[in-house]
Amino acid sequence: MDGKSLFITFEGIDGTGKSTQVAILAERLRAFGFACVETREPGGTVVAEKIRELLKSIRAIRWSAEVEILLLTAARRDHVDQIIVPALKSGKIVICDRYLDSTRIYQGLSDSKIRAVIEDIHERIIGISPDLTFILDLSPCLALERIRGRGIDDRYFESYGDKIELLRQGFLDLAREHPERCLVVDASLPAAEIADIVYGEARKRCE
């Protein structure tokens, strides 16, 4: 099916079901003839995945926000060059699990100066922003319950502690700042209901 290229991202705290919804959306769009590329951040390329491993391995150490921003920017630039831009130029739909908004929140939430640096670096070095962002919203308690129920390492919540609620609110604030791009979806709904909401909005943007 012919259609315009589209860059879609999924954001939110861990445990909200982003990866699941990325996969469902891609499958449903492909079923209707749309060409889709599924990817994630940090990651998506060999170089970016190595940086992802590095960032995860030192999460307990908590490098400075500035160091993390530089590493994430390097990963993102390679990701954009190798995956995102080529796919968009060929008329495909790119569906990404996390992108710039996660950097804005996780590295920039506590310091407006850092947030300004993130915006400046993105404008100067990356330059590509999503057309549509789904912010999956869920209480930290429910998110943690889901993560533990899947047998997944929950050190993410331990490392951020009481800041998780601030991170959640940060994503909601972003949605208010960018209403033309961001759609908040209640992640406590059944996955099938979330998928219907997501697919409906994506199809509107694809046509």
C-alpha atoms as a PDB file:
ATOM      1  CA  MET A   1       0.000   0.000   0.000  1.00  0.00           C
ATOM      2  CA  ASP A   2       1.299   3.414  -0.943  1.00  0.00           C
ATOM      3  CA  GLY A   3       1.473   5.901   1.911  1.00  0.00           C
ATOM      4  CA  LYS A   4       3.614   8.594   3.362  1.00  0.00           C
ATOM      5  CA  SER A   5       6.543   7.761   5.587  1.00  0.00           C
ATOM      6  CA  LEU A   6       5.899   8.180   9.293  1.00  0.00           C
ATOM      7  CA  PHE A   7       8.098   8.176  12.392  1.00  0.00           C
ATOM      8  CA  ILE A   8       6.238   6.801  15.436  1.00  0.00           C
ATOM      9  CA  THR A   9       7.665   6.485  18.940  1.00  0.00           C
ATOM     10  CA  PHE A  10       6.471   4.906  22.176  1.00  0.00           C
ATOM     11  CA  GLU A  11       7.426   6.453  25.521  1.00  0.00           C
ATOM     12  CA  GLY A  12       6.762   5.972  29.230  1.00  0.00           C
ATOM     13  CA  ILE A  13       8.333   4.446  32.295  1.00  0.00           C
ATOM     14  CA  ASP A  14       9.390   0.791  32.226  1.00  0.00           C
ATOM     15  CA  GLY A  15       6.625  -1.778  32.580  1.00  0.00           C
ATOM     16  CA  THR A  16       4.019   0.104  30.545  1.00  0.00           C
ATOM     17  CA  GLY A  17       4.086  -2.332  27.620  1.00  0.00           C
ATOM     18  CA  LYS A  18       5.917  -0.258  25.017  1.00  0.00           C
ATOM     19  CA  SER A  19       7.703  -3.174  23.347  1.00  0.00           C
ATOM     20  CA  THR A  20       4.468  -5.159  23.142  1.00  0.00           C
ATOM     21  CA  GLN A  21       2.617  -2.288  21.492  1.00  0.00           C
ATOM     22  CA  VAL A  22       5.454  -1.627  19.038  1.00  0.00           C
ATOM     23  CA  ALA A  23       5.222  -5.227  17.846  1.00  0.00           C
ATOM     24  CA  ILE A  24       1.400  -5.243  17.652  1.00  0.00           C
ATOM     25  CA  LEU A  25       1.247  -1.972  15.726  1.00  0.00           C
ATOM     26  CA  ALA A  26       3.868  -3.097  13.231  1.00  0.00           C
ATOM     27  CA  GLU A  27       2.039  -6.383  12.668  1.00  0.00           C
ATOM     28  CA  ARG A  28      -1.320  -4.695  12.133  1.00  0.00           C
ATOM     29  CA  LEU A  29       0.059  -2.082   9.767  1.00  0.00           C
ATOM     30  CA  ARG A  30       1.878  -4.734   7.738  1.00  0.00           C
ATOM     31  CA  ALA A  31      -1.349  -6.703   7.475  1.00  0.00           C
ATOM     32  CA  PHE A  32      -2.801  -3.725   5.596  1.00  0.00           C
ATOM     33  CA  GLY A  33       0.193  -3.445   3.300  1.00  0.00           C
ATOM     34  CA  PHE A  34       2.277  -0.800   5.058  1.00  0.00           C
ATOM     35  CA  ALA A  35       6.050  -1.315   5.136  1.00  0.00           C
ATOM     36  CA  CYS A  36       7.271  -0.970   8.717  1.00  0.00           C
ATOM     37  CA  VAL A  37      10.593  -0.947  10.527  1.00  0.00           C
ATOM     38  CA  GLU A  38      10.637  -1.817  14.249  1.00  0.00           C
ATOM     39  CA  THR A  39      13.534  -0.501  16.280  1.00  0.00           C
ATOM     40  CA  ARG A  40      14.493   0.760  19.740  1.00  0.00           C
ATOM     41  CA  GLU A  41      16.671   3.215  21.631  1.00  0.00           C
ATOM     42  CA  PRO A  42      19.299   3.109  22.703  1.00  0.00           C
ATOM     43  CA  GLY A  43      19.978   0.486  20.066  1.00  0.00           C
ATOM     44  CA  GLY A  44      18.920  -0.445  16.572  1.00  0.00           C
ATOM     45  CA  THR A  45      22.431  -0.735  15.102  1.00  0.00           C
ATOM     46  CA  VAL A  46      25.542  -2.680  16.084  1.00  0.00           C
ATOM     47  CA  VAL A  47      27.212   0.440  17.468  1.00  0.00           C
ATOM     48  CA  ALA A  48      24.099   1.666  19.282  1.00  0.00           C
ATOM     49  CA  GLU A  49      23.450  -1.748  20.832  1.00  0.00           C
ATOM     50  CA  LYS A  50      26.996  -1.765  22.227  1.00  0.00           C
ATOM     51  CA  ILE A  51      26.354   1.626  23.795  1.00  0.00           C
ATOM     52  CA  ARG A  52      23.091   0.275  25.196  1.00  0.00           C
ATOM     53  CA  GLU A  53      24.993  -2.581  26.858  1.00  0.00           C
ATOM     54  CA  LEU A  54      27.459  -0.089  28.305  1.00  0.00           C
ATOM     55  CA  LEU A  55      24.731   2.161  29.700  1.00  0.00           C
ATOM     56  CA  LYS A  56      22.887  -0.762  31.267  1.00  0.00           C
ATOM     57  CA  SER A  57      26.051  -2.180  32.782  1.00  0.00           C
ATOM     58  CA  ILE A  58      26.821   1.041  34.669  1.00  0.00           C
ATOM     59  CA  ARG A  59      23.253   1.917  35.689  1.00  0.00           C
ATOM     60  CA  ALA A  60      24.052   1.170  39.330  1.00  0.00           C
ATOM     61  CA  ILE A  61      27.057   3.523  39.161  1.00  0.00           C
ATOM     62  CA  ARG A  62      24.942   6.368  37.744  1.00  0.00           C
ATOM     63  CA  TRP A  63      27.287   8.326  35.562  1.00  0.00           C
ATOM     64  CA  SER A  64      26.573  12.033  35.259  1.00  0.00           C
ATOM     65  CA  ALA A  65      23.695  13.150  33.051  1.00  0.00           C
ATOM     66  CA  GLU A  66      26.185  14.859  30.758  1.00  0.00           C
ATOM     67  CA  VAL A  67      28.108  11.640  30.114  1.00  0.00           C
ATOM     68  CA  GLU A  68      24.908   9.694  29.504  1.00  0.00           C
ATOM     69  CA  ILE A  69      23.670  12.371  27.079  1.00  0.00           C
ATOM     70  CA  LEU A  70      26.863  12.150  25.031  1.00  0.00           C
ATOM     71  CA  LEU A  71      26.669   8.361  24.857  1.00  0.00           C
ATOM     72  CA  LEU A  72      22.984   8.447  23.949  1.00  0.00           C
ATOM     73  CA  THR A  73      23.621  11.070  21.279  1.00  0.00           C
ATOM     74  CA  ALA A  74      26.343   8.929  19.694  1.00  0.00           C
ATOM     75  CA  ALA A  75      23.994   5.942  19.665  1.00  0.00           C
ATOM     76  CA  ARG A  76      21.117   8.026  18.313  1.00  0.00           C
ATOM     77  CA  ARG A  77      23.158   9.581  15.526  1.00  0.00           C
ATOM     78  CA  ASP A  78      24.248   6.159  14.288  1.00  0.00           C
ATOM     79  CA  HIS A  79      20.673   4.888  14.626  1.00  0.00           C
ATOM     80  CA  VAL A  80      19.295   7.830  12.660  1.00  0.00           C
ATOM     81  CA  ASP A  81      21.931   7.502   9.933  1.00  0.00           C
ATOM     82  CA  GLN A  82      21.731   3.741   9.540  1.00  0.00           C
ATOM     83  CA  ILE A  83      18.077   2.922  10.229  1.00  0.00           C
ATOM     84  CA  ILE A  84      15.627   5.777  10.658  1.00  0.00           C
ATOM     85  CA  VAL A  85      16.452   8.159   7.810  1.00  0.00           C
ATOM     86  CA  PRO A  86      16.938   5.441   5.155  1.00  0.00           C
ATOM     87  CA  ALA A  87      13.619   3.845   6.118  1.00  0.00           C
ATOM     88  CA  LEU A  88      11.753   7.151   6.016  1.00  0.00           C
ATOM     89  CA  LYS A  89      13.308   8.073   2.679  1.00  0.00           C
ATOM     90  CA  SER A  90      12.082   4.786   1.232  1.00  0.00           C
ATOM     91  CA  GLY A  91       8.536   5.537   2.353  1.00  0.00           C
ATOM     92  CA  LYS A  92       8.412   3.183   5.324  1.00  0.00           C
ATOM     93  CA  ILE A  93       6.862   3.630   8.747  1.00  0.00           C
ATOM     94  CA  VAL A  94       9.455   3.602  11.543  1.00  0.00           C
ATOM     95  CA  ILE A  95       8.160   2.453  14.941  1.00  0.00           C
ATOM     96  CA  CYS A  96      10.631   3.047  17.756  1.00  0.00           C
ATOM     97  CA  ASP A  97      10.619   1.978  21.411  1.00  0.00           C
ATOM     98  CA  ARG A  98      11.919   5.179  23.092  1.00  0.00           C
ATOM     99  CA  TYR A  99      13.679   8.128  21.477  1.00  0.00           C
ATOM    100  CA  LEU A 100      14.444  11.758  22.342  1.00  0.00           C
ATOM    101  CA  ASP A 101      11.632  12.138  24.873  1.00  0.00           C
ATOM    102  CA  SER A 102      13.228   9.521  27.120  1.00  0.00           C
ATOM    103  CA  THR A 103      16.468  11.503  27.102  1.00  0.00           C
ATOM    104  CA  ARG A 104      14.547  14.664  27.891  1.00  0.00           C
ATOM    105  CA  ILE A 105      13.001  12.987  30.921  1.00  0.00           C
ATOM    106  CA  TYR A 106      15.613  10.633  32.322  1.00  0.00           C
ATOM    107  CA  GLN A 107      18.623  12.882  31.832  1.00  0.00           C
ATOM    108  CA  GLY A 108      17.003  16.320  31.751  1.00  0.00           C
ATOM    109  CA  LEU A 109      14.130  16.273  34.202  1.00  0.00           C
ATOM    110  CA  SER A 110      15.976  17.465  37.303  1.00  0.00           C
ATOM    111  CA  ASP A 111      17.955  20.304  35.701  1.00  0.00           C
ATOM    112  CA  SER A 112      16.615  22.864  33.242  1.00  0.00           C
ATOM    113  CA  LYS A 113      20.154  23.632  32.075  1.00  0.00           C
ATOM    114  CA  ILE A 114      20.713  19.990  31.168  1.00  0.00           C
ATOM    115  CA  ARG A 115      17.374  19.941  29.366  1.00  0.00           C
ATOM    116  CA  ALA A 116      18.506  22.938  27.329  1.00  0.00           C
ATOM    117  CA  VAL A 117      21.709  21.091  26.413  1.00  0.00           C
ATOM    118  CA  ILE A 118      19.682  18.079  25.269  1.00  0.00           C
ATOM    119  CA  GLU A 119      17.525  20.272  23.024  1.00  0.00           C
ATOM    120  CA  ASP A 120      20.550  22.053  21.582  1.00  0.00           C
ATOM    121  CA  ILE A 121      22.430  18.822  20.861  1.00  0.00           C
ATOM    122  CA  HIS A 122      19.376  17.303  19.231  1.00  0.00           C
ATOM    123  CA  GLU A 123      18.876  20.312  16.983  1.00  0.00           C
ATOM    124  CA  ARG A 124      22.538  20.494  15.984  1.00  0.00           C
ATOM    125  CA  ILE A 125      23.441  16.804  15.674  1.00  0.00           C
ATOM    126  CA  ILE A 126      20.280  14.716  15.248  1.00  0.00           C
ATOM    127  CA  GLY A 127      17.556  16.887  13.718  1.00  0.00           C
ATOM    128  CA  ILE A 128      14.944  14.162  13.256  1.00  0.00           C
ATOM    129  CA  SER A 129      11.861  14.228  15.483  1.00  0.00           C
ATOM    130  CA  PRO A 130       8.858  11.863  15.610  1.00  0.00           C
ATOM    131  CA  ASP A 131       5.623  12.584  13.797  1.00  0.00           C
ATOM    132  CA  LEU A 132       3.574  10.752  16.422  1.00  0.00           C
ATOM    133  CA  THR A 133       4.373   9.695  19.988  1.00  0.00           C
ATOM    134  CA  PHE A 134       2.316   7.391  22.161  1.00  0.00           C
ATOM    135  CA  ILE A 135       2.969   7.965  25.861  1.00  0.00           C
ATOM    136  CA  LEU A 136       1.872   4.865  27.742  1.00  0.00           C
ATOM    137  CA  ASP A 137       0.924   5.993  31.211  1.00  0.00           C
ATOM    138  CA  LEU A 138       0.828   3.693  34.232  1.00  0.00           C
ATOM    139  CA  SER A 139       1.266   4.089  37.971  1.00  0.00           C
ATOM    140  CA  PRO A 140       4.741   3.033  39.175  1.00  0.00           C
ATOM    141  CA  CYS A 141       3.176   0.440  41.497  1.00  0.00           C
ATOM    142  CA  LEU A 142       1.389  -1.312  38.650  1.00  0.00           C
ATOM    143  CA  ALA A 143       4.446  -1.038  36.415  1.00  0.00           C
ATOM    144  CA  LEU A 144       6.660  -2.652  39.046  1.00  0.00           C
ATOM    145  CA  GLU A 145       4.071  -5.379  39.618  1.00  0.00           C
ATOM    146  CA  ARG A 146       4.104  -6.190  35.910  1.00  0.00           C
ATOM    147  CA  ILE A 147       7.882  -6.280  35.736  1.00  0.00           C
ATOM    148  CA  ARG A 148       8.185  -8.603  38.700  1.00  0.00           C
ATOM    149  CA  GLY A 149       5.389 -10.767  37.312  1.00  0.00           C
ATOM    150  CA  ARG A 150       7.417 -11.319  34.164  1.00  0.00           C
ATOM    151  CA  GLY A 151      10.492 -12.277  36.142  1.00  0.00           C
ATOM    152  CA  ILE A 152      12.404  -9.283  34.784  1.00  0.00           C
ATOM    153  CA  ASP A 153      15.194  -7.550  36.705  1.00  0.00           C
ATOM    154  CA  ASP A 154      13.625  -4.632  38.584  1.00  0.00           C
ATOM    155  CA  ARG A 155      16.844  -2.746  39.373  1.00  0.00           C
ATOM    156  CA  TYR A 156      15.475   0.037  37.157  1.00  0.00           C
ATOM    157  CA  PHE A 157      12.954   0.905  39.871  1.00  0.00           C
ATOM    158  CA  GLU A 158      15.514   0.465  42.638  1.00  0.00           C
ATOM    159  CA  SER A 159      17.947   2.839  40.938  1.00  0.00           C
ATOM    160  CA  TYR A 160      15.383   5.626  40.512  1.00  0.00           C
ATOM    161  CA  GLY A 161      13.466   5.043  43.741  1.00  0.00           C
ATOM    162  CA  ASP A 162      10.988   7.795  44.563  1.00  0.00           C
ATOM    163  CA  LYS A 163      11.868   9.609  41.333  1.00  0.00           C
ATOM    164  CA  ILE A 164       9.754   7.168  39.296  1.00  0.00           C
ATOM    165  CA  GLU A 165       6.611   9.219  39.907  1.00  0.00           C
ATOM    166  CA  LEU A 166       8.480  12.340  38.797  1.00  0.00           C
ATOM    167  CA  LEU A 167       9.535  10.530  35.622  1.00  0.00           C
ATOM    168  CA  ARG A 168       5.955   9.508  34.964  1.00  0.00           C
ATOM    169  CA  GLN A 169       4.793  13.093  35.463  1.00  0.00           C
ATOM    170  CA  GLY A 170       7.565  14.303  33.202  1.00  0.00           C
ATOM    171  CA  PHE A 171       6.169  12.279  30.314  1.00  0.00           C
ATOM    172  CA  LEU A 172       2.689  13.634  30.982  1.00  0.00           C
ATOM    173  CA  ASP A 173       4.070  17.167  30.982  1.00  0.00           C
ATOM    174  CA  LEU A 174       5.741  16.495  27.637  1.00  0.00           C
ATOM    175  CA  ALA A 175       2.391  15.441  26.216  1.00  0.00           C
ATOM    176  CA  ARG A 176       0.914  18.771  27.273  1.00  0.00           C
ATOM    177  CA  GLU A 177       3.871  20.616  25.725  1.00  0.00           C
ATOM    178  CA  HIS A 178       3.480  18.785  22.403  1.00  0.00           C
ATOM    179  CA  PRO A 179      -0.245  18.033  21.969  1.00  0.00           C
ATOM    180  CA  GLU A 180       0.061  17.901  18.168  1.00  0.00           C
ATOM    181  CA  ARG A 181       2.480  14.987  18.425  1.00  0.00           C
ATOM    182  CA  CYS A 182       1.816  13.175  21.698  1.00  0.00           C
ATOM    183  CA  LEU A 183      -1.119  11.000  22.677  1.00  0.00           C
ATOM    184  CA  VAL A 184      -1.352   9.718  26.248  1.00  0.00           C
ATOM    185  CA  VAL A 185      -2.781   6.193  26.492  1.00  0.00           C
ATOM    186  CA  ASP A 186      -3.907   4.535  29.715  1.00  0.00           C
ATOM    187  CA  ALA A 187      -1.518   1.582  29.976  1.00  0.00           C
ATOM    188  CA  SER A 188      -3.659  -0.093  32.642  1.00  0.00           C
ATOM    189  CA  LEU A 189      -6.142  -1.057  29.915  1.00  0.00           C
ATOM    190  CA  PRO A 190      -5.980  -4.541  28.374  1.00  0.00           C
ATOM    191  CA  ALA A 191      -3.275  -4.781  25.719  1.00  0.00           C
ATOM    192  CA  ALA A 192      -5.863  -5.342  22.972  1.00  0.00           C
ATOM    193  CA  GLU A 193      -7.703  -2.128  23.853  1.00  0.00           C
ATOM    194  CA  ILE A 194      -4.467  -0.163  23.896  1.00  0.00           C
ATOM    195  CA  ALA A 195      -3.569  -1.658  20.524  1.00  0.00           C
ATOM    196  CA  ASP A 196      -6.884  -0.522  19.046  1.00  0.00           C
ATOM    197  CA  ILE A 197      -6.358   3.043  20.251  1.00  0.00           C
ATOM    198  CA  VAL A 198      -2.806   3.085  18.947  1.00  0.00           C
ATOM    199  CA  TYR A 199      -3.695   1.557  15.598  1.00  0.00           C
ATOM    200  CA  GLY A 200      -6.593   3.930  15.051  1.00  0.00           C
ATOM    201  CA  GLU A 201      -4.430   6.999  15.593  1.00  0.00           C
ATOM    202  CA  ALA A 202      -1.565   5.605  13.507  1.00  0.00           C
ATOM    203  CA  ARG A 203      -3.827   4.858  10.570  1.00  0.00           C
ATOM    204  CA  LYS A 204      -5.146   8.411  10.609  1.00  0.00           C
ATOM    205  CA  ARG A 205      -1.577   9.701  10.375  1.00  0.00           C
ATOM    206  CA  CYS A 206      -0.634   7.210   7.637  1.00  0.00           C
ATOM    207  CA  GLU A 207      -3.341   8.221   5.191  1.00  0.00           C
END
